[in-house]
Protein backbone atom coordinates (compact mmCIF):
# COMPACT_ATOMS: atom_id res chain seq x y z
CA GLU A 1 20.72 21.32 37.65
CA LYS A 2 19.06 22.48 34.43
CA MET A 3 22.40 22.49 32.65
CA ALA A 4 23.15 18.94 33.81
CA THR A 5 19.89 17.62 32.34
CA GLU A 6 20.62 19.42 29.04
CA ILE A 7 24.08 17.86 28.88
CA ALA A 8 22.68 14.41 29.71
CA ALA A 9 20.06 14.80 27.00
CA SER A 10 22.66 15.84 24.42
CA GLU A 11 24.92 12.87 25.31
CA ARG A 12 22.16 10.33 24.68
CA ASP A 13 22.88 7.84 21.91
CA PRO A 14 20.45 8.46 18.99
CA SER A 15 20.56 4.78 17.96
CA GLN A 16 18.96 3.83 21.29
CA GLU A 17 16.04 6.20 20.63
CA LYS A 18 15.21 4.48 17.35
CA ASP A 19 15.06 1.07 19.01
CA GLU A 20 12.44 2.25 21.47
CA GLN A 21 9.21 1.73 19.57
CA SER A 22 5.79 2.22 21.07
CA PRO A 23 3.30 -0.65 20.69
CA GLU A 24 1.14 1.58 18.48
CA ASP A 25 3.98 2.05 15.98
CA ALA A 26 4.92 -1.63 15.84
CA GLU A 27 4.00 -3.76 12.86
CA TYR A 28 1.07 -6.12 13.38
CA VAL A 29 1.98 -9.79 13.83
CA PHE A 30 -0.20 -12.83 14.41
CA PRO A 31 -0.50 -14.02 17.99
CA ASN A 32 1.07 -17.41 18.79
CA ASP A 33 -2.33 -19.03 19.30
CA ALA A 34 -4.07 -17.49 16.26
CA ASN A 35 -7.68 -18.50 15.59
CA VAL A 36 -10.03 -17.99 12.66
CA GLY A 37 -10.94 -14.47 13.81
CA ASP A 38 -7.29 -13.44 13.71
CA TYR A 39 -6.97 -14.68 10.14
CA VAL A 40 -10.17 -12.92 9.09
CA MET A 41 -9.11 -9.64 10.69
CA HIS A 42 -5.48 -9.81 9.52
CA PRO A 43 -5.91 -7.62 6.40
CA TRP A 44 -7.67 -4.91 8.41
CA ARG A 45 -5.21 -5.01 11.32
CA SER A 46 -2.14 -4.97 9.11
CA MET A 47 -3.53 -2.07 7.04
CA GLU A 48 -4.38 -0.17 10.22
CA SER A 49 -0.88 -0.76 11.56
CA TYR A 50 0.66 0.37 8.26
CA MET A 51 -1.43 3.54 8.15
CA LYS A 52 -0.53 4.43 11.76
CA ARG A 53 3.17 4.03 10.99
CA MET A 54 2.81 6.04 7.78
CA ILE A 55 0.97 8.89 9.50
CA THR A 56 3.55 8.90 12.31
CA SER A 57 6.43 9.02 9.82
CA PHE A 58 5.11 11.36 7.14
CA GLY A 59 2.06 13.15 8.56
CA TRP A 60 -1.64 12.79 7.84
CA ARG A 61 -1.74 15.10 4.81
CA ILE A 62 0.62 13.11 2.61
CA SER A 63 -0.99 9.88 3.82
CA VAL A 64 -4.42 11.08 2.70
CA GLN A 65 -3.03 12.29 -0.62
CA LEU A 66 -1.40 8.94 -1.34
CA ALA A 67 -4.53 7.03 -0.36
CA VAL A 68 -6.71 9.19 -2.60
CA MET A 69 -4.25 8.92 -5.48
CA TYR A 70 -3.84 5.16 -5.45
CA MET A 71 -7.27 4.02 -4.28
CA ILE A 72 -9.62 6.48 -5.92
CA VAL A 73 -7.90 8.11 -8.90
CA LYS A 74 -6.03 5.02 -10.11
CA GLY A 75 -9.05 2.76 -9.61
CA MET A 76 -11.41 5.13 -11.41
CA MET A 77 -8.98 5.64 -14.29
CA SER A 78 -8.50 1.92 -14.83
CA THR A 79 -12.29 1.44 -14.88
CA VAL A 80 -12.85 4.30 -17.32
CA MET A 81 -10.01 3.10 -19.55
CA ALA A 82 -11.45 -0.43 -19.62
CA LEU A 83 -14.79 0.94 -20.82
CA VAL A 84 -13.10 3.17 -23.41
CA ARG A 85 -10.99 0.24 -24.62
CA LEU A 86 -14.06 -1.97 -25.05
CA SER A 87 -15.87 0.77 -26.94
CA TYR A 88 -12.82 1.34 -29.16
CA CYS A 89 -12.55 -2.37 -29.93
CA LYS A 90 -16.22 -2.67 -30.86
CA LYS A 91 -16.73 0.57 -32.81
CA THR A 92 -13.38 1.28 -34.41
CA LEU A 93 -11.74 -2.13 -34.79
CA GLY A 94 -14.94 -4.14 -35.22
CA VAL A 95 -13.79 -6.73 -32.67
CA ASP A 96 -16.18 -8.34 -30.20
CA GLY A 97 -15.67 -8.16 -26.42
CA THR A 98 -14.17 -11.64 -26.05
CA ARG A 99 -11.42 -10.99 -28.58
CA CYS A 100 -10.78 -7.55 -27.08
CA GLN A 101 -10.26 -9.11 -23.63
CA THR A 102 -7.99 -11.76 -25.15
CA MET A 103 -5.86 -9.04 -26.76
CA GLN A 104 -5.75 -7.20 -23.44
CA ALA A 105 -4.64 -10.36 -21.61
CA ILE A 106 -1.86 -10.92 -24.14
CA ALA A 107 -0.76 -7.29 -23.86
CA GLN A 108 -0.68 -7.46 -20.03
CA THR A 109 1.31 -10.73 -19.88
CA PRO A 110 4.77 -9.08 -19.61
CA TRP A 111 3.64 -7.10 -16.54
CA ALA A 112 2.14 -10.22 -14.97
CA VAL A 113 5.37 -12.19 -15.49
CA LYS A 114 7.55 -9.35 -14.17
CA GLY A 115 7.08 -10.44 -10.54
CA VAL A 116 8.01 -14.05 -11.30
CA MET A 117 11.16 -12.98 -13.10
CA GLY A 118 12.15 -10.68 -10.24
CA VAL A 119 12.39 -7.52 -12.27
């Protein structure tokens, strides 16, 4: 009897196992009769759904590392670099803040247009 269950388990089609997805692992979608509360909570619910799927797929350690890297380190570095850039413009180049921000906007334009061009 034990051998029969082992054989049956080994003969199972792996593609059928992938199609079976628990409700917790499924991506969040709006209900058919969505109201204002659903629209307000959509960012939170979709992020929660994404994080659950990520933790299920890769584990909690890599998920925490990625979250720390992109949310904390990248955010702090961009803030620090903005302050350094403003200080550099004022002290070294002798340019006021408005012109410094204009130069920054011009320099960032190719990256802003990249999504429109589909690159």
